[in-house]
N, C-alpha and C. Protein backbone atom coordinates (compact mmCIF):
# COMPACT_ATOMS: atom_id res chain seq x y z
N MET A 1 4.84 -10.66 127.25
CA MET A 1 3.55 -10.02 128.16
C MET A 1 3.78 -8.55 128.46
N THR A 2 3.20 -7.32 128.10
CA THR A 2 3.71 -6.33 129.18
C THR A 2 3.33 -6.03 130.22
N LEU A 3 3.65 -5.15 131.01
CA LEU A 3 3.17 -5.03 132.51
C LEU A 3 1.94 -4.82 132.79
N ALA A 4 0.99 -4.09 132.10
CA ALA A 4 -0.28 -3.66 131.80
C ALA A 4 -1.21 -4.76 131.81
N GLU A 5 -0.34 -5.84 130.60
CA GLU A 5 -1.54 -6.95 129.98
C GLU A 5 -1.09 -8.06 131.27
N ASN A 6 0.09 -8.14 131.93
CA ASN A 6 0.22 -9.35 132.90
C ASN A 6 -0.57 -8.66 134.52
N VAL A 7 -0.75 -7.49 134.74
CA VAL A 7 -1.69 -6.82 135.60
C VAL A 7 -2.92 -7.13 135.14
N ALA A 8 -3.47 -6.94 134.12
CA ALA A 8 -4.58 -7.60 133.53
C ALA A 8 -5.22 -8.83 133.74
N LEU A 9 -4.21 -9.75 133.83
CA LEU A 9 -4.73 -11.30 133.15
C LEU A 9 -5.27 -11.81 133.93
N PRO A 10 -5.19 -12.03 135.43
CA PRO A 10 -6.31 -12.20 136.31
C PRO A 10 -7.72 -11.87 136.30
N LEU A 11 -7.73 -10.60 136.05
CA LEU A 11 -9.27 -9.53 135.69
C LEU A 11 -9.96 -10.27 134.67
N HIS A 12 -8.93 -10.82 133.58
CA HIS A 12 -9.56 -10.99 132.15
C HIS A 12 -10.00 -12.16 132.29
N GLU A 13 -8.89 -13.32 133.51
CA GLU A 13 -9.41 -14.83 133.49
C GLU A 13 -10.77 -14.85 134.89
N TYR A 14 -10.76 -13.94 135.82
CA TYR A 14 -11.68 -14.16 137.38
C TYR A 14 -12.51 -13.05 137.27
N SER A 15 -12.98 -12.31 136.41
CA SER A 15 -13.88 -11.44 136.96
C SER A 15 -14.72 -11.10 135.36
N THR A 16 -15.53 -10.92 135.83
CA THR A 16 -16.62 -10.19 134.75
C THR A 16 -16.71 -8.66 134.12
N LEU A 17 -15.60 -8.15 134.55
CA LEU A 17 -15.24 -6.43 134.29
C LEU A 17 -15.41 -6.21 133.04
N SER A 18 -15.84 -4.72 132.04
CA SER A 18 -15.76 -4.91 130.79
C SER A 18 -14.35 -4.82 130.40
N ARG A 19 -13.89 -4.39 129.42
CA ARG A 19 -12.56 -4.21 128.96
C ARG A 19 -11.97 -2.73 129.36
N GLU A 20 -13.05 -1.88 129.59
CA GLU A 20 -12.75 -0.74 130.04
C GLU A 20 -12.43 -0.28 131.51
N GLU A 21 -13.27 -1.38 132.25
CA GLU A 21 -13.39 -1.19 133.50
C GLU A 21 -11.75 -1.70 134.02
N ILE A 22 -11.18 -3.17 133.00
CA ILE A 22 -10.22 -3.31 133.26
C ILE A 22 -9.11 -2.83 133.16
N ASP A 23 -9.31 -1.86 132.17
CA ASP A 23 -7.97 -0.83 131.80
C ASP A 23 -7.83 0.06 133.11
N MET A 24 -9.22 0.56 133.49
CA MET A 24 -9.04 1.67 134.69
C MET A 24 -8.53 0.75 135.68
N ALA A 25 -8.92 -0.45 136.29
CA ALA A 25 -8.11 -1.33 137.64
C ALA A 25 -6.97 -1.34 137.33
N VAL A 26 -6.39 -1.26 135.57
CA VAL A 26 -4.89 -1.61 135.66
C VAL A 26 -4.17 -0.39 135.71
N ARG A 27 -5.19 1.05 135.43
CA ARG A 27 -3.89 2.00 135.93
C ARG A 27 -4.18 2.37 137.19
N ILE A 28 -5.21 2.13 138.11
CA ILE A 28 -5.42 2.41 139.31
C ILE A 28 -4.16 1.23 140.20
N LYS A 29 -4.13 0.03 139.56
CA LYS A 29 -3.16 -0.63 140.21
C LYS A 29 -1.59 -0.19 140.13
N LEU A 30 -1.48 0.15 139.41
CA LEU A 30 0.16 0.61 138.50
C LEU A 30 0.59 2.06 139.08
N GLN A 31 -1.09 2.88 139.44
CA GLN A 31 -0.40 3.83 140.44
C GLN A 31 -0.14 3.86 142.02
N MET A 32 -0.95 3.27 142.18
CA MET A 32 -0.96 2.30 143.72
C MET A 32 0.64 1.73 144.34
N VAL A 33 1.27 1.57 142.92
CA VAL A 33 2.45 0.81 143.37
C VAL A 33 3.82 2.03 142.53
N GLU A 34 3.39 2.74 142.09
CA GLU A 34 4.12 3.87 141.53
C GLU A 34 4.98 3.35 140.39
N LEU A 35 3.95 2.72 139.21
CA LEU A 35 4.69 2.83 138.02
C LEU A 35 3.62 2.84 137.26
N GLU A 36 2.86 3.51 137.12
CA GLU A 36 2.48 4.70 136.31
C GLU A 36 3.96 5.01 135.04
N GLY A 37 3.50 4.86 133.64
CA GLY A 37 4.31 4.80 132.53
C GLY A 37 4.85 3.91 132.58
N PHE A 38 5.13 2.84 133.04
CA PHE A 38 5.68 1.87 132.59
C PHE A 38 4.91 0.62 132.42
N GLU A 39 3.66 0.97 131.83
CA GLU A 39 2.39 0.16 130.98
C GLU A 39 3.32 -0.93 130.05
N GLU A 40 3.85 -0.30 128.99
CA GLU A 40 4.23 -0.83 127.83
C GLU A 40 5.51 -1.71 127.77
N ARG A 41 6.47 -1.67 129.12
CA ARG A 41 7.49 -2.24 129.19
C ARG A 41 7.26 -3.92 129.46
N TYR A 42 8.13 -4.25 129.12
CA TYR A 42 8.04 -5.97 129.33
C TYR A 42 9.31 -6.33 130.99
N PRO A 43 8.59 -7.14 131.47
CA PRO A 43 9.53 -7.73 132.71
C PRO A 43 11.02 -7.61 132.48
N SER A 44 11.24 -7.97 131.34
CA SER A 44 13.24 -8.16 131.44
C SER A 44 13.60 -6.36 131.21
N GLU A 45 12.60 -5.10 131.00
CA GLU A 45 12.88 -4.02 131.29
C GLU A 45 12.67 -3.27 132.42
N LEU A 46 12.28 -4.36 133.55
CA LEU A 46 12.40 -3.62 135.00
C LEU A 46 13.55 -4.06 135.78
N SER A 47 13.74 -3.10 137.04
CA SER A 47 14.76 -3.47 138.05
C SER A 47 14.25 -4.50 138.35
N GLY A 48 14.40 -5.06 139.65
CA GLY A 48 14.17 -6.26 140.58
C GLY A 48 12.98 -5.51 141.46
N GLY A 49 13.01 -4.31 142.29
CA GLY A 49 12.35 -3.46 142.76
C GLY A 49 10.68 -3.28 142.16
N MET A 50 10.81 -3.25 141.00
CA MET A 50 9.73 -2.69 140.31
C MET A 50 9.50 -3.76 139.71
N ARG A 51 9.72 -4.83 139.56
CA ARG A 51 9.21 -6.15 139.53
C ARG A 51 8.69 -6.63 140.60
N LYS A 52 8.89 -6.68 142.15
CA LYS A 52 8.40 -6.50 143.19
C LYS A 52 6.87 -5.95 143.12
N ARG A 53 6.83 -4.79 142.54
CA ARG A 53 5.81 -3.83 142.68
C ARG A 53 5.03 -3.97 141.65
N ALA A 54 5.41 -4.76 140.47
CA ALA A 54 4.61 -5.21 139.71
C ALA A 54 3.97 -6.40 140.33
N ALA A 55 4.02 -6.96 140.57
CA ALA A 55 3.89 -8.70 140.99
C ALA A 55 2.60 -8.10 142.49
N LEU A 56 3.08 -7.47 143.26
CA LEU A 56 1.63 -6.64 144.46
C LEU A 56 0.54 -5.75 143.42
N ALA A 57 1.04 -5.52 142.23
CA ALA A 57 -0.22 -4.97 141.54
C ALA A 57 -0.88 -5.93 141.46
N ARG A 58 -0.90 -6.78 140.59
CA ARG A 58 -0.97 -8.30 139.73
C ARG A 58 -1.89 -8.88 141.05
N ALA A 59 -1.51 -8.88 141.94
CA ALA A 59 -1.83 -9.81 142.86
C ALA A 59 -3.33 -9.46 143.91
N MET A 60 -2.86 -7.51 143.76
CA MET A 60 -4.19 -7.05 144.44
C MET A 60 -5.13 -7.05 143.82
N ARG A 61 -6.43 -7.10 145.08
CA ARG A 61 -7.62 -6.97 144.19
C ARG A 61 -8.16 -5.53 144.37
N MET A 62 -9.58 -5.39 144.01
CA MET A 62 -9.78 -4.24 143.99
C MET A 62 -10.72 -3.84 145.43
N ASN A 63 -10.43 -2.34 145.83
CA ASN A 63 -11.11 -2.27 147.47
C ASN A 63 -10.69 -3.19 148.55
N VAL A 64 -8.87 -3.65 148.21
CA VAL A 64 -8.76 -4.41 149.43
C VAL A 64 -7.90 -3.56 149.90
N LEU A 65 -7.02 -3.36 148.85
CA LEU A 65 -5.73 -2.69 149.90
C LEU A 65 -5.33 -1.40 149.40
N THR A 66 -5.67 -0.40 150.76
CA THR A 66 -5.59 1.16 149.75
C THR A 66 -4.03 1.83 149.65
N PRO A 67 -4.06 2.62 149.11
CA PRO A 67 -2.49 3.06 148.88
C PRO A 67 -1.51 3.12 150.12
N GLU A 68 -2.01 3.01 151.09
CA GLU A 68 -0.91 3.23 152.61
C GLU A 68 -0.33 1.74 152.86
N GLU A 69 -1.62 0.67 152.64
CA GLU A 69 -1.62 -0.55 152.96
C GLU A 69 -0.56 -1.11 152.18
N ALA A 70 -0.72 -0.81 150.47
CA ALA A 70 0.42 -1.23 149.53
C ALA A 70 1.65 -0.67 149.56
N ARG A 71 1.92 0.48 150.24
CA ARG A 71 3.30 1.27 150.74
C ARG A 71 4.07 0.72 152.00
N ALA A 72 3.20 0.28 152.64
CA ALA A 72 3.28 -0.88 153.76
C ALA A 72 4.30 -2.12 153.86
N VAL A 73 3.40 -2.75 152.27
CA VAL A 73 3.89 -3.83 151.97
C VAL A 73 5.37 -3.65 151.64
N LEU A 74 5.42 -2.94 150.57
CA LEU A 74 6.04 -2.92 149.97
C LEU A 74 7.76 -2.49 150.96
N ARG A 75 7.28 -1.62 152.35
CA ARG A 75 8.13 -1.23 153.14
C ARG A 75 9.15 -2.51 153.79
N CYS A 76 7.89 -3.76 153.66
CA CYS A 76 8.06 -4.36 154.82
C CYS A 76 8.98 -5.60 154.30
N SER A 77 8.58 -6.04 152.49
CA SER A 77 9.21 -6.52 151.69
C SER A 77 10.98 -6.24 151.49
N GLU A 78 11.20 -4.70 151.64
CA GLU A 78 12.38 -4.43 151.79
C GLU A 78 12.99 -4.23 152.70
N THR A 79 12.99 -4.57 153.55
CA THR A 79 13.27 -4.72 155.02
C THR A 79 14.70 -5.64 155.17
N ASN A 80 14.72 -6.54 154.26
CA ASN A 80 15.87 -7.96 154.19
C ASN A 80 15.61 -8.50 155.57
N GLY A 81 14.81 -8.94 156.14
CA GLY A 81 14.66 -9.63 157.59
C GLY A 81 14.52 -8.83 158.47
N ARG A 82 15.02 -7.74 158.33
CA ARG A 82 14.64 -6.51 159.90
C ARG A 82 12.84 -6.83 160.11
N THR A 83 12.76 -6.12 161.53
CA THR A 83 11.34 -6.04 161.52
C THR A 83 11.00 -4.71 161.97
N TRP A 84 9.65 -4.24 161.13
CA TRP A 84 9.45 -3.12 160.93
C TRP A 84 7.89 -3.04 161.90
N SER A 85 7.76 -1.96 162.27
CA SER A 85 6.74 -2.24 163.20
C SER A 85 5.15 -2.70 162.06
N GLY A 86 4.39 -3.34 162.42
CA GLY A 86 3.32 -3.64 161.42
C GLY A 86 3.86 -5.17 160.65
N CYS A 87 5.08 -5.29 160.27
CA CYS A 87 5.24 -6.04 159.38
C CYS A 87 5.32 -7.12 160.15
N LYS A 88 4.83 -8.62 159.48
CA LYS A 88 4.62 -9.65 160.29
C LYS A 88 6.12 -10.94 159.62
């Protein structure tokens, strides 16, 4: 399953969005986590950090996280246990 197919899977299964709307949502989510251009890659072709961002893109619901919030989540996940302001 490619990155785009992986991110689209929950939308196909749990939403009533059209194929075009799902494709647009996938593009937006991948842009938010800075993975545009990697849509046709397989998980084995991604680095560890890219896999984390892909998981975040898949977990995102539309209109829940802003790009700034998504970046904050990534920063928190990269602290390796150190505390950053705003991280829980």
